N, C-alpha and C. Protein backbone atom coordinates (compact mmCIF):
# COMPACT_ATOMS: atom_id res chain seq x y z
N MET A 1 1.12 -1.25 0.08
CA MET A 1 0.42 -0.05 -0.45
C MET A 1 0.97 1.35 -0.12
N ASN A 2 0.43 2.33 -0.92
CA ASN A 2 1.69 3.38 -1.29
C ASN A 2 1.15 4.23 0.26
N LYS A 3 1.66 5.47 -0.27
CA LYS A 3 1.46 6.74 0.78
C LYS A 3 0.31 6.57 0.50
N ALA A 4 -0.28 7.73 -0.75
CA ALA A 4 -1.20 7.93 -0.99
C ALA A 4 -2.63 7.44 -0.57
N GLU A 5 -2.88 6.05 -0.84
CA GLU A 5 -3.55 5.23 -0.62
C GLU A 5 -3.74 5.05 0.98
N THR A 6 -2.86 5.02 1.77
CA THR A 6 -2.39 4.88 3.36
C THR A 6 -3.46 6.69 3.58
N ASN A 7 -3.10 7.76 3.23
CA ASN A 7 -3.48 8.75 3.56
C ASN A 7 -5.28 8.94 2.83
N GLY A 8 -5.60 8.32 1.97
CA GLY A 8 -6.46 8.17 1.83
C GLY A 8 -7.93 7.23 2.30
N ASN A 9 -6.86 6.72 3.13
CA ASN A 9 -7.72 5.37 3.91
C ASN A 9 -8.23 6.23 5.12
N ALA A 10 -6.98 7.09 5.56
CA ALA A 10 -7.38 7.70 6.55
C ALA A 10 -8.48 9.01 6.83
N ALA A 11 -7.74 9.59 5.33
CA ALA A 11 -9.31 10.37 5.05
C ALA A 11 -10.52 10.22 5.74
N ALA A 12 -10.80 8.86 4.69
CA ALA A 12 -11.96 8.47 4.73
C ALA A 12 -12.43 7.83 6.26
N ALA A 13 -11.43 7.16 6.84
CA ALA A 13 -11.60 6.54 8.05
C ALA A 13 -11.95 8.33 9.01
N SER A 14 -11.26 9.42 8.99
CA SER A 14 -11.95 10.74 9.70
C SER A 14 -13.09 11.09 9.26
N ALA A 15 -13.31 10.85 7.86
CA ALA A 15 -14.63 11.40 8.03
C ALA A 15 -15.92 11.23 8.53
N SER A 16 -16.24 10.01 9.33
CA SER A 16 -17.26 9.23 9.94
C SER A 16 -17.03 9.56 11.66
N ILE A 17 -16.06 10.37 11.73
CA ILE A 17 -16.00 10.86 12.95
C ILE A 17 -16.32 12.23 13.12
N PRO A 18 -17.08 12.41 14.42
CA PRO A 18 -17.61 13.65 14.61
C PRO A 18 -16.71 14.82 15.15
N VAL A 19 -16.37 15.34 14.29
CA VAL A 19 -14.84 16.05 14.99
C VAL A 19 -15.42 17.26 15.63
N ASP A 20 -17.20 18.16 15.49
CA ASP A 20 -17.24 18.80 16.06
C ASP A 20 -18.02 18.72 17.21
N SER A 21 -18.54 17.24 17.74
CA SER A 21 -18.63 16.76 18.42
C SER A 21 -17.98 16.56 19.75
N LEU A 22 -16.87 15.84 19.39
CA LEU A 22 -15.48 15.65 20.02
C LEU A 22 -15.08 16.93 20.71
N GLU A 23 -14.83 17.81 19.64
CA GLU A 23 -14.04 19.08 20.09
C GLU A 23 -14.96 19.69 21.25
N LEU A 24 -16.27 19.65 20.95
CA LEU A 24 -17.55 20.18 21.95
C LEU A 24 -17.15 19.72 23.65
N ILE A 25 -16.70 18.51 23.29
CA ILE A 25 -16.61 17.27 24.83
C ILE A 25 -15.41 17.90 24.88
N ARG A 26 -13.81 18.20 24.79
CA ARG A 26 -12.94 18.00 24.45
C ARG A 26 -12.86 19.90 25.59
N ASN A 27 -13.35 20.64 25.16
CA ASN A 27 -14.35 21.47 25.91
C ASN A 27 -14.56 22.08 26.97
N ARG A 28 -15.21 21.04 26.75
CA ARG A 28 -16.31 20.98 28.36
C ARG A 28 -15.28 20.02 29.34
N LEU A 29 -14.62 19.31 29.03
CA LEU A 29 -13.68 18.74 29.72
C LEU A 29 -12.32 19.60 30.63
N HIS A 30 -12.46 20.72 29.42
CA HIS A 30 -11.10 21.38 29.51
C HIS A 30 -12.11 22.55 30.99
N GLN A 31 -13.09 22.72 30.95
CA GLN A 31 -14.06 23.57 31.53
C GLN A 31 -14.33 22.57 33.29
N VAL A 32 -14.48 21.87 33.48
CA VAL A 32 -14.74 21.29 34.39
C VAL A 32 -13.12 21.04 35.08
N HIS A 33 -12.13 20.59 34.11
CA HIS A 33 -10.76 20.71 34.83
C HIS A 33 -10.33 22.24 35.38
N GLN A 34 -10.55 23.05 34.44
CA GLN A 34 -10.40 24.28 35.21
C GLN A 34 -11.12 24.46 36.80
N SER A 35 -12.49 24.32 36.82
CA SER A 35 -13.24 24.45 37.85
C SER A 35 -12.43 23.68 38.47
N LEU A 36 -12.80 22.55 38.85
CA LEU A 36 -12.00 21.59 39.52
C LEU A 36 -10.45 22.26 40.21
N ARG A 37 -9.64 22.41 39.52
CA ARG A 37 -8.30 23.02 39.77
C ARG A 37 -8.58 24.29 40.28
N LYS A 38 -9.83 25.08 40.18
CA LYS A 38 -9.90 26.27 41.01
C LYS A 38 -10.02 26.19 42.18
N LEU A 39 -11.55 25.29 42.06
CA LEU A 39 -11.72 24.42 43.88
C LEU A 39 -10.52 23.64 44.61
N ALA A 40 -9.51 23.18 44.05
CA ALA A 40 -8.70 22.62 44.68
C ALA A 40 -8.12 23.37 45.45
N ASP A 41 -7.14 24.37 44.59
CA ASP A 41 -6.55 25.57 45.18
C ASP A 41 -6.55 26.22 45.99
N GLN A 42 -8.41 26.86 46.18
CA GLN A 42 -8.39 27.56 47.50
C GLN A 42 -8.70 26.66 48.08
N ILE A 43 -9.52 24.93 48.98
CA ILE A 43 -9.10 24.23 49.54
C ILE A 43 -7.43 24.20 49.90
N ASN A 44 -6.38 23.89 48.96
CA ASN A 44 -5.41 23.75 49.18
C ASN A 44 -4.68 24.84 50.08
N TYR A 45 -5.12 25.96 49.41
CA TYR A 45 -4.53 27.18 49.52
C TYR A 45 -4.93 27.67 51.50
N SER A 46 -5.96 27.09 51.31
CA SER A 46 -6.47 27.38 53.16
C SER A 46 -5.70 26.19 54.21
N ASN A 47 -5.73 24.92 53.88
CA ASN A 47 -4.66 24.47 54.60
C ASN A 47 -3.65 24.41 54.47
N ARG A 48 -2.91 25.40 53.75
CA ARG A 48 -1.20 25.34 53.77
C ARG A 48 -1.00 26.56 54.50
N ASN A 49 -2.12 27.51 55.36
CA ASN A 49 -2.06 29.22 55.40
C ASN A 49 -3.59 28.87 56.59
N PRO A 50 -3.02 28.51 57.49
CA PRO A 50 -4.05 28.35 58.59
C PRO A 50 -5.17 29.62 59.11
N LYS A 51 -4.33 30.74 58.77
CA LYS A 51 -5.07 31.56 59.00
C LYS A 51 -5.81 32.53 57.47
N ALA A 52 -5.58 31.80 56.85
CA ALA A 52 -6.45 32.08 55.62
C ALA A 52 -8.06 31.36 55.51
N LYS A 53 -9.20 32.03 55.62
CA LYS A 53 -10.12 31.34 55.13
C LYS A 53 -10.57 30.75 53.88
N LEU A 54 -11.60 30.46 53.73
CA LEU A 54 -11.79 29.41 52.74
C LEU A 54 -13.27 30.66 51.88
N PRO A 55 -13.34 30.58 50.91
CA PRO A 55 -14.23 31.40 50.38
C PRO A 55 -15.96 31.48 51.04
N GLY A 56 -16.51 32.14 51.33
CA GLY A 56 -17.46 32.31 51.57
C GLY A 56 -18.82 31.12 51.21
N TYR A 57 -20.20 31.13 51.92
CA TYR A 57 -20.97 29.53 51.35
C TYR A 57 -21.49 30.30 49.95
N LEU A 58 -21.91 31.44 50.05
CA LEU A 58 -22.46 31.56 48.54
C LEU A 58 -21.28 31.45 47.00
N SER A 59 -19.93 31.82 47.65
CA SER A 59 -19.01 31.22 46.43
C SER A 59 -18.69 29.96 46.29
N LEU A 60 -18.96 29.45 47.30
CA LEU A 60 -18.41 27.56 47.48
C LEU A 60 -19.76 27.18 46.21
N HIS A 61 -21.06 27.55 46.78
CA HIS A 61 -22.02 27.08 46.63
C HIS A 61 -22.18 27.80 44.82
N GLY A 62 -22.18 28.71 44.43
CA GLY A 62 -22.02 28.96 42.67
C GLY A 62 -20.74 28.46 42.03
N GLN A 63 -19.75 28.58 42.98
CA GLN A 63 -18.56 27.49 42.29
C GLN A 63 -19.33 25.46 42.02
N PHE A 64 -20.03 25.08 43.21
CA PHE A 64 -20.53 23.60 42.82
C PHE A 64 -21.24 24.17 42.02
N GLN A 65 -22.36 24.97 41.43
CA GLN A 65 -23.34 24.90 40.77
C GLN A 65 -22.82 24.39 39.14
N VAL A 66 -21.82 25.58 38.86
CA VAL A 66 -21.19 25.69 37.71
C VAL A 66 -20.73 24.57 37.41
N LEU A 67 -20.18 24.01 38.61
CA LEU A 67 -19.47 22.67 38.09
C LEU A 67 -20.44 21.56 37.74
N ILE A 68 -21.60 21.58 38.76
CA ILE A 68 -22.88 20.65 38.10
C ILE A 68 -23.33 20.40 36.71
N THR A 69 -23.24 21.55 37.02
CA THR A 69 -23.83 22.07 35.18
C THR A 69 -22.96 21.62 34.07
N GLN A 70 -21.38 22.13 33.86
CA GLN A 70 -20.34 21.53 33.23
C GLN A 70 -20.48 20.15 33.43
N LEU A 71 -20.82 18.93 34.59
CA LEU A 71 -20.49 18.12 34.46
C LEU A 71 -21.98 17.07 33.32
N HIS A 72 -22.80 17.77 33.90
CA HIS A 72 -24.42 17.57 33.42
C HIS A 72 -24.20 17.84 32.03
N SER A 73 -23.54 18.81 31.29
CA SER A 73 -23.50 18.99 30.04
C SER A 73 -22.18 18.00 29.53
N LEU A 74 -21.32 17.86 30.61
CA LEU A 74 -20.41 16.98 29.30
C LEU A 74 -20.88 15.58 29.67
N ALA A 75 -21.68 15.03 30.22
CA ALA A 75 -22.74 13.92 30.51
C ALA A 75 -23.60 13.41 29.36
N SER A 76 -24.18 14.91 29.06
CA SER A 76 -25.17 14.44 27.85
C SER A 76 -24.17 14.27 26.77
N HIS A 77 -23.80 15.29 26.36
CA HIS A 77 -22.66 14.88 24.99
C HIS A 77 -21.42 13.56 24.81
N LEU A 78 -21.43 12.98 26.14
CA LEU A 78 -20.60 11.59 26.24
C LEU A 78 -21.86 10.58 25.64
N GLU A 79 -23.24 10.72 26.31
CA GLU A 79 -24.15 9.71 26.09
C GLU A 79 -24.40 9.81 24.59
N LEU A 80 -24.46 11.21 23.83
CA LEU A 80 -25.36 11.33 22.64
C LEU A 80 -24.36 10.96 21.65
N ASN A 81 -22.91 10.61 21.98
CA ASN A 81 -21.76 10.02 21.17
C ASN A 81 -21.12 8.81 21.80
N SER A 82 -22.23 8.48 22.35
CA SER A 82 -21.27 6.92 23.28
C SER A 82 -21.03 5.62 22.26
N ASP A 83 -21.89 5.93 21.11
CA ASP A 83 -21.73 4.34 20.40
C ASP A 83 -20.16 5.18 19.31
N ILE A 84 -20.39 6.49 18.88
CA ILE A 84 -19.01 6.58 17.97
C ILE A 84 -17.71 6.34 18.85
N LEU A 85 -17.81 6.81 20.32
CA LEU A 85 -16.94 7.12 21.39
C LEU A 85 -16.37 5.25 21.62
N ARG A 86 -17.38 4.44 21.41
CA ARG A 86 -16.97 3.11 21.79
C ARG A 86 -16.31 2.77 20.91
N THR A 87 -17.00 2.91 19.67
CA THR A 87 -16.03 2.12 18.65
C THR A 87 -14.70 2.79 17.63
N THR A 88 -14.20 3.96 18.07
CA THR A 88 -13.33 4.43 17.79
C THR A 88 -12.36 4.53 18.12
N ASN A 89 -11.24 4.13 17.45
CA ASN A 89 -9.87 3.74 17.78
C ASN A 89 -9.00 5.23 17.50
N ALA A 90 -8.30 5.29 18.96
CA ALA A 90 -7.46 6.82 18.18
C ALA A 90 -5.97 6.02 17.68
N PHE A 91 -5.64 6.68 16.57
CA PHE A 91 -4.11 6.30 16.21
C PHE A 91 -3.52 7.65 15.47
N PRO A 92 -2.16 7.51 15.37
CA PRO A 92 -1.41 8.43 14.97
C PRO A 92 -1.78 9.08 13.47
N LEU A 93 -1.69 9.99 12.35
CA LEU A 93 -1.33 9.97 11.29
C LEU A 93 0.33 10.16 10.72
N PRO A 94 0.37 9.69 9.67
CA PRO A 94 1.72 9.37 9.25
C PRO A 94 2.65 10.76 10.06
N SER A 95 2.13 11.72 9.60
CA SER A 95 2.50 13.32 9.33
C SER A 95 2.57 13.28 11.35
N PHE A 96 1.96 12.89 12.07
CA PHE A 96 1.46 13.19 13.21
C PHE A 96 3.29 13.18 14.06
N PRO A 97 3.77 14.22 14.52
CA PRO A 97 5.05 14.12 14.92
C PRO A 97 5.37 13.52 16.59
N THR A 98 5.17 11.63 16.31
CA THR A 98 5.05 11.24 17.07
C THR A 98 6.74 11.07 18.26
N THR A 99 7.27 11.33 17.51
CA THR A 99 9.07 11.84 18.64
C THR A 99 8.31 12.90 19.24
N GLN A 100 8.13 13.90 18.84
CA GLN A 100 8.42 15.08 19.87
C GLN A 100 6.81 15.06 20.68
N GLN A 101 5.94 14.86 20.30
CA GLN A 101 4.73 14.02 20.96
C GLN A 101 4.76 13.04 21.99
N GLU A 102 5.73 12.55 22.26
CA GLU A 102 5.76 10.96 22.27
C GLU A 102 4.38 10.37 23.89
N GLY A 103 4.56 11.83 24.45
CA GLY A 103 3.45 11.58 25.88
C GLY A 103 2.39 11.59 25.10
N LEU A 104 1.78 12.60 24.14
CA LEU A 104 0.42 12.96 23.89
C LEU A 104 -0.06 11.38 23.38
N VAL A 105 0.88 10.66 22.40
CA VAL A 105 0.56 9.83 21.75
C VAL A 105 0.12 8.49 22.98
N THR A 106 0.99 7.86 23.78
CA THR A 106 1.28 7.03 24.67
C THR A 106 -0.82 7.64 25.79
N THR A 107 -0.48 8.65 25.51
CA THR A 107 -2.36 8.90 26.45
C THR A 107 -2.97 8.63 25.50
N LEU A 108 -3.08 9.01 24.52
CA LEU A 108 -3.95 8.34 23.84
C LEU A 108 -4.15 7.07 23.34
N LEU A 109 -3.54 6.34 23.19
CA LEU A 109 -3.56 4.96 22.57
C LEU A 109 -3.52 4.80 24.30
N ARG A 110 -3.48 4.88 25.01
CA ARG A 110 -3.85 3.83 26.59
C ARG A 110 -4.99 3.31 26.58
N LYS A 111 -5.16 1.84 26.81
CA LYS A 111 -6.18 1.10 26.95
C LYS A 111 -6.77 1.29 28.11
N LYS A 112 -6.34 1.02 29.47
CA LYS A 112 -6.48 0.81 30.24
C LYS A 112 -6.34 2.29 31.10
N PRO A 113 -7.57 2.37 31.96
CA PRO A 113 -7.21 3.68 33.10
C PRO A 113 -5.66 3.74 34.32
N LEU A 114 -5.65 5.30 34.48
CA LEU A 114 -4.31 4.88 34.91
C LEU A 114 -4.26 4.29 35.92
N PRO A 115 -3.48 3.80 37.02
CA PRO A 115 -3.53 3.25 38.38
C PRO A 115 -4.25 4.25 39.66
N GLU A 116 -3.75 5.28 39.20
CA GLU A 116 -4.78 6.44 40.64
C GLU A 116 -6.17 6.28 39.91
N VAL A 117 -6.48 6.18 38.54
CA VAL A 117 -7.64 5.70 38.29
C VAL A 117 -8.60 5.19 38.73
N ASP A 118 -8.01 3.83 38.48
CA ASP A 118 -8.20 2.35 38.94
C ASP A 118 -8.62 2.34 40.77
N GLU A 119 -7.85 3.23 41.39
CA GLU A 119 -8.16 3.18 42.35
C GLU A 119 -9.29 4.61 43.46
N TRP A 120 -9.54 5.31 42.31
CA TRP A 120 -10.53 5.91 42.41
C TRP A 120 -11.79 5.61 42.18
N ILE A 121 -12.17 4.85 41.05
CA ILE A 121 -12.89 3.93 40.86
C ILE A 121 -13.36 2.28 41.98
N ASP A 122 -12.14 1.52 42.40
CA ASP A 122 -12.76 0.48 43.23
C ASP A 122 -13.20 1.21 44.52
N ALA A 123 -12.58 2.45 44.87
CA ALA A 123 -13.13 3.05 46.02
C ALA A 123 -14.24 3.75 46.38
N ALA A 124 -14.72 4.09 44.49
CA ALA A 124 -16.16 4.76 44.92
C ALA A 124 -17.35 3.20 45.16
N ILE A 125 -16.51 2.09 43.90
CA ILE A 125 -17.48 1.44 44.08
C ILE A 125 -17.65 0.34 45.81
N ALA A 126 -16.51 0.42 46.18
CA ALA A 126 -16.58 0.08 47.74
C ALA A 126 -17.76 0.71 48.42
N GLU A 127 -17.08 2.47 48.34
CA GLU A 127 -18.48 3.35 49.28
C GLU A 127 -19.55 2.96 48.90
N CYS A 128 -20.07 2.33 47.64
CA CYS A 128 -21.24 2.31 46.96
C CYS A 128 -22.03 0.97 47.45
N ASN A 129 -20.73 -0.14 47.77
CA ASN A 129 -21.68 -1.34 48.50
C ASN A 129 -22.03 -0.99 50.14
N LEU A 130 -21.31 -0.46 50.39
CA LEU A 130 -21.45 0.29 51.71
C LEU A 130 -22.96 0.49 52.25
N PHE A 131 -23.60 0.97 51.28
CA PHE A 131 -24.61 1.72 51.20
C PHE A 131 -25.68 0.87 50.42
N ASN A 132 -25.37 0.25 49.92
CA ASN A 132 -26.38 -0.94 49.27
C ASN A 132 -27.50 -1.39 49.63
N ILE A 133 -28.81 -0.61 49.82
CA ILE A 133 -29.49 -1.66 50.67
C ILE A 133 -30.29 -2.22 49.22
N PRO A 134 -30.84 -3.67 49.74
CA PRO A 134 -31.81 -4.56 48.57
C PRO A 134 -33.14 -3.66 48.18
N LEU A 135 -32.96 -4.04 46.85
CA LEU A 135 -34.63 -3.63 46.53
C LEU A 135 -35.53 -4.17 47.05
N LEU A 136 -35.88 -5.22 48.02
CA LEU A 136 -36.92 -6.22 48.67
C LEU A 136 -37.17 -4.90 49.95
N LYS A 137 -35.91 -4.93 50.80
CA LYS A 137 -36.34 -4.09 51.85
C LYS A 137 -36.99 -2.62 51.57
N ASP A 138 -36.06 -1.86 50.37
CA ASP A 138 -36.49 -0.82 49.77
C ASP A 138 -37.92 -0.81 49.57
N ASP A 139 -38.43 -2.10 49.00
CA ASP A 139 -40.57 -2.18 49.00
C ASP A 139 -40.72 -1.94 50.27
N GLU A 140 -40.30 -3.35 50.90
CA GLU A 140 -41.22 -3.19 51.93
C GLU A 140 -41.21 -1.34 52.67
N LEU A 141 -40.19 -0.83 52.90
CA LEU A 141 -39.67 0.67 53.81
C LEU A 141 -41.42 1.14 53.29
N ALA A 142 -41.39 1.34 51.37
CA ALA A 142 -42.36 2.51 50.88
C ALA A 142 -44.01 2.08 51.43
N GLU A 143 -43.84 0.56 51.43
CA GLU A 143 -45.51 0.06 51.66
C GLU A 143 -45.77 0.21 53.42
N TRP A 144 -43.99 0.58 54.14
CA TRP A 144 -44.50 0.78 55.12
C TRP A 144 -44.89 2.44 55.67
N CYS A 145 -44.31 3.44 54.44
CA CYS A 145 -44.37 4.56 54.84
C CYS A 145 -45.79 4.68 54.34
N TYR A 146 -46.10 4.56 53.38
CA TYR A 146 -47.50 4.06 52.71
C TYR A 146 -48.79 4.12 53.53
N ALA A 147 -48.53 2.85 54.64
CA ALA A 147 -49.52 2.82 55.13
C ALA A 147 -49.41 3.47 56.13
N LYS A 148 -48.41 4.23 56.74
CA LYS A 148 -48.29 4.86 58.11
C LYS A 148 -49.20 6.66 57.41
N ALA A 149 -48.48 6.81 56.38
CA ALA A 149 -49.48 7.90 55.85
C ALA A 149 -50.88 8.02 56.09
N LYS A 150 -51.35 6.94 55.51
CA LYS A 150 -52.80 6.72 55.12
C LYS A 150 -53.33 6.99 56.54
N GLN A 151 -52.47 5.84 57.58
CA GLN A 151 -52.87 6.22 59.14
C GLN A 151 -52.77 7.52 59.94
N LEU A 152 -52.47 8.71 59.36
CA LEU A 152 -51.79 9.66 59.74
C LEU A 152 -52.93 10.42 59.56
N GLU A 153 -53.48 10.01 57.86
CA GLU A 153 -54.10 10.72 57.35
C GLU A 153 -55.96 10.91 57.52
N SER A 154 -56.07 9.91 58.41
CA SER A 154 -57.39 9.59 59.11
C SER A 154 -57.47 10.28 59.98
N ASP A 155 -56.33 10.40 61.01
CA ASP A 155 -56.62 10.91 62.24
C ASP A 155 -57.16 12.93 61.76
N PHE A 156 -56.42 13.14 60.32
CA PHE A 156 -57.25 14.79 59.88
C PHE A 156 -57.89 15.28 59.32
N VAL A 157 -59.00 16.62 59.26
CA VAL A 157 -59.56 16.85 58.25
C VAL A 157 -58.79 17.72 57.99
N PHE A 158 -58.41 17.78 57.04
CA PHE A 158 -57.24 18.51 55.66
C PHE A 158 -58.26 19.61 55.20
N ASP A 159 -59.41 20.01 54.88
CA ASP A 159 -60.57 21.26 55.07
C ASP A 159 -60.41 22.21 55.95
N GLY A 160 -59.73 21.99 56.88
CA GLY A 160 -60.33 23.17 58.16
C GLY A 160 -59.04 23.72 59.13
N PHE A 161 -59.20 23.98 60.48
CA PHE A 161 -57.78 24.18 61.41
C PHE A 161 -57.99 23.05 62.54
N TYR A 162 -59.31 22.32 62.04
CA TYR A 162 -59.20 21.09 63.22
C TYR A 162 -59.30 19.56 62.83
N THR A 163 -58.41 18.74 63.96
CA THR A 163 -58.50 17.46 63.87
C THR A 163 -60.00 16.88 63.81
N GLU A 164 -60.08 15.55 63.15
CA GLU A 164 -61.34 15.18 63.24
C GLU A 164 -61.94 14.74 64.60
N LYS A 165 -61.31 14.48 65.66
CA LYS A 165 -61.43 14.38 66.91
C LYS A 165 -62.21 15.65 67.52
N GLN A 166 -61.65 17.15 66.78
CA GLN A 166 -61.64 18.32 67.89
C GLN A 166 -62.99 18.29 66.35
N GLN A 167 -62.99 18.25 65.93
CA GLN A 167 -64.63 18.25 64.77
C GLN A 167 -65.74 17.60 65.02
N LEU A 168 -65.12 16.29 65.51
CA LEU A 168 -66.61 15.80 66.03
C LEU A 168 -67.05 16.18 67.54
N TYR A 169 -66.58 16.85 68.59
CA TYR A 169 -66.29 17.44 69.91
C TYR A 169 -67.28 18.90 68.92
N LEU A 170 -66.44 19.27 67.90
CA LEU A 170 -67.56 20.32 67.88
C LEU A 170 -68.82 20.29 67.79
N GLU A 171 -68.62 19.25 66.93
CA GLU A 171 -70.60 18.92 66.34
C GLU A 171 -71.51 17.95 67.65
N SER A 172 -70.73 18.01 68.83
CA SER A 172 -71.49 16.90 69.55
C SER A 172 -72.63 18.47 70.10
N GLU A 173 -72.92 18.10 71.41
CA GLU A 173 -74.07 18.86 72.42
C GLU A 173 -73.34 19.68 72.75
N GLU A 174 -71.99 19.22 73.50
CA GLU A 174 -71.63 20.13 74.40
C GLU A 174 -70.36 20.60 73.49
N GLY A 175 -69.91 20.41 72.67
CA GLY A 175 -69.19 21.20 71.71
C GLY A 175 -69.99 22.44 71.52
N VAL A 176 -71.81 22.29 70.71
CA VAL A 176 -72.15 23.12 70.63
C VAL A 176 -72.86 24.28 71.39
N ALA A 177 -72.89 24.39 72.35
CA ALA A 177 -72.58 24.59 73.62
C ALA A 177 -72.18 25.38 73.63
N GLU A 178 -70.42 25.06 73.92
CA GLU A 178 -69.42 25.86 74.12
C GLU A 178 -69.19 27.21 73.45
N THR A 179 -69.35 26.65 71.96
CA THR A 179 -69.68 27.33 70.77
C THR A 179 -70.32 28.78 71.14
N GLU A 180 -71.37 28.02 71.32
CA GLU A 180 -72.50 29.26 71.98
C GLU A 180 -72.21 30.10 72.81
N ARG A 181 -71.47 29.60 74.15
CA ARG A 181 -71.05 30.69 75.17
C ARG A 181 -69.58 31.34 74.64
N LYS A 182 -68.77 31.30 73.65
CA LYS A 182 -68.20 31.57 73.83
C LYS A 182 -68.63 32.40 72.46
N LYS A 183 -69.66 32.63 71.80
CA LYS A 183 -70.24 33.85 70.82
C LYS A 183 -70.48 34.63 71.99
N GLU A 184 -71.15 34.28 73.06
CA GLU A 184 -72.00 35.55 73.89
C GLU A 184 -70.83 36.22 74.47
N GLU A 185 -69.98 35.75 75.28
CA GLU A 185 -68.42 36.34 75.18
C GLU A 185 -68.07 37.13 74.63
N THR A 186 -67.77 36.24 73.19
CA THR A 186 -67.31 37.54 72.43
C THR A 186 -68.13 38.84 72.00
N ALA A 187 -69.69 38.82 72.15
CA ALA A 187 -70.47 39.83 71.72
C ALA A 187 -70.59 40.59 73.31
N ALA A 188 -70.54 40.22 74.69
CA ALA A 188 -70.02 40.98 75.58
C ALA A 188 -68.89 41.60 75.67
N LYS A 189 -67.95 41.60 75.21
CA LYS A 189 -66.83 41.39 75.16
C LYS A 189 -67.00 43.08 74.49
N GLU A 190 -67.03 42.79 73.23
CA GLU A 190 -67.41 43.63 72.06
C GLU A 190 -68.25 45.09 72.45
N GLU A 191 -69.55 44.86 73.29
CA GLU A 191 -70.10 45.75 74.02
C GLU A 191 -69.62 46.58 75.18
N ARG A 192 -68.80 45.98 75.64
CA ARG A 192 -68.18 46.83 76.91
C ARG A 192 -66.84 47.63 75.97
N GLU A 193 -66.37 47.13 74.83
CA GLU A 193 -65.29 48.58 74.04
C GLU A 193 -66.37 49.43 73.31
N LYS A 194 -66.96 48.90 73.09
CA LYS A 194 -68.11 50.57 72.80
C LYS A 194 -68.55 51.00 73.39
N SER A 195 -69.12 50.33 75.29
CA SER A 195 -69.19 51.61 75.98
C SER A 195 -67.90 52.66 76.49
N ILE A 196 -66.70 51.91 76.49
CA ILE A 196 -65.47 52.59 76.92
C ILE A 196 -65.57 53.70 75.58
N VAL A 197 -65.05 53.51 74.26
CA VAL A 197 -64.59 53.80 73.28
C VAL A 197 -65.94 55.19 72.75
N GLY A 198 -67.10 54.44 72.83
CA GLY A 198 -67.71 55.48 72.42
C GLY A 198 -68.41 54.74 70.57
N THR A 199 -69.60 55.36 70.41
CA THR A 199 -69.63 54.95 69.25
C THR A 199 -70.31 56.10 68.06
N GLY A 200 -69.64 57.76 69.21
CA GLY A 200 -69.71 58.53 68.09
C GLY A 200 -68.64 58.84 67.07
N GLU A 201 -68.98 59.71 65.88
CA GLU A 201 -68.32 59.96 64.92
C GLU A 201 -66.59 60.26 65.45
N PRO A 202 -65.52 59.55 65.66
CA PRO A 202 -64.18 59.56 65.64
C PRO A 202 -63.75 61.54 65.44
N MET A 203 -62.71 61.61 66.23
CA MET A 203 -61.79 62.98 65.88
C MET A 203 -61.64 63.10 64.69
N LYS A 204 -61.21 64.13 64.40
CA LYS A 204 -60.97 64.59 63.09
C LYS A 204 -59.10 64.98 63.30
N PRO A 205 -58.29 64.79 62.24
CA PRO A 205 -56.49 64.56 63.16
C PRO A 205 -56.38 66.20 63.74
N ASN A 206 -56.91 66.83 62.70
CA ASN A 206 -56.55 68.24 63.63
C ASN A 206 -56.85 68.76 64.70
N SER A 207 -57.94 67.99 64.57
CA SER A 207 -58.44 68.31 66.35
C SER A 207 -58.12 67.40 66.82
N ILE A 208 -57.72 66.52 67.23
CA ILE A 208 -56.81 65.94 67.89
C ILE A 208 -55.31 66.62 68.45
N LEU A 209 -54.23 67.50 67.18
CA LEU A 209 -53.53 67.81 67.19
C LEU A 209 -53.59 69.09 67.35
N LYS A 210 -54.66 69.82 67.59
CA LYS A 210 -54.99 71.19 68.77
C LYS A 210 -55.25 70.53 70.13
N PHE A 211 -56.16 69.72 70.08
CA PHE A 211 -55.74 69.03 71.38
C PHE A 211 -54.89 69.08 72.24
N MET A 212 -53.62 68.07 71.29
CA MET A 212 -52.46 68.17 72.20
C MET A 212 -51.40 69.29 72.68
N THR A 213 -51.98 69.91 71.91
CA THR A 213 -50.48 71.24 71.84
C THR A 213 -51.68 72.28 72.55
N LYS A 214 -52.85 72.72 72.89
CA LYS A 214 -53.26 73.62 73.42
C LYS A 214 -54.71 73.46 74.48
N GLY A 215 -54.92 72.37 74.33
CA GLY A 215 -55.67 71.33 75.42
C GLY A 215 -56.70 71.90 75.65
N LEU A 216 -57.18 72.53 74.10
CA LEU A 216 -58.85 72.92 74.40
C LEU A 216 -59.34 72.35 73.53
C-alpha cells in the first residue's frame, strides 16, 4: 500500500468521526478541569495557611452549581456520542510528530485507566456497596411509609383547622354549647369596648393635634 492509499484510507476513516462533537466534549472537559483546579487550589491554600479562610458559602455554592452544570453538559454529550466513542480507535497519522509528542501519543493510545484512576473507581465501588440497600427491603419500607401516611391522614381533616377528633367534639351537644358560650362572651366583650370607646364620630386629626398643643 503506497502513501497515497494510506492517506486516502485515513481521510475516509476520519470523515465518519464527529469532529465538532469531539471538540465540544474536549472544551467541556477543559471547563470541568479548570473548575476543579480552581476549587482545589482554594482548599489547598486554606490548608497551607491556617489564617486564611475558605471562600464564603455563596461563593462555594456558586462554584458547585457551575461545576454541576458543566458535568451535566459533559455527560449529555458523552451519552449522545457513546456509540461512536466506543467503536472509535485513536491512531496517529503519518504526518503526526510522534517523536516530539510521545507523551500525548501514549496517552491517546492507552487502553486502560491510570493506576490512580483505578484506585478511585475501586474506592467508589466499595463505598457504594456499603450503602447498598436491597430492593426488597426498599419496597417494604415504601409500603410501610404509605400505610403510615394513610393512618395519619385518617386522624386529620384537611379542609379546616381542626383534627377529626376536634371536629366531632364541636358537632356534639357539648361542643355546640361551648361554641354558643364563646360567641356570647365575644359579643359581651365587644359591647364593653363600645361603651368605653363610644360610638360617636371619631375626632379628626387636626382636632387631635389642636387638643395636644392647646388642651382645648
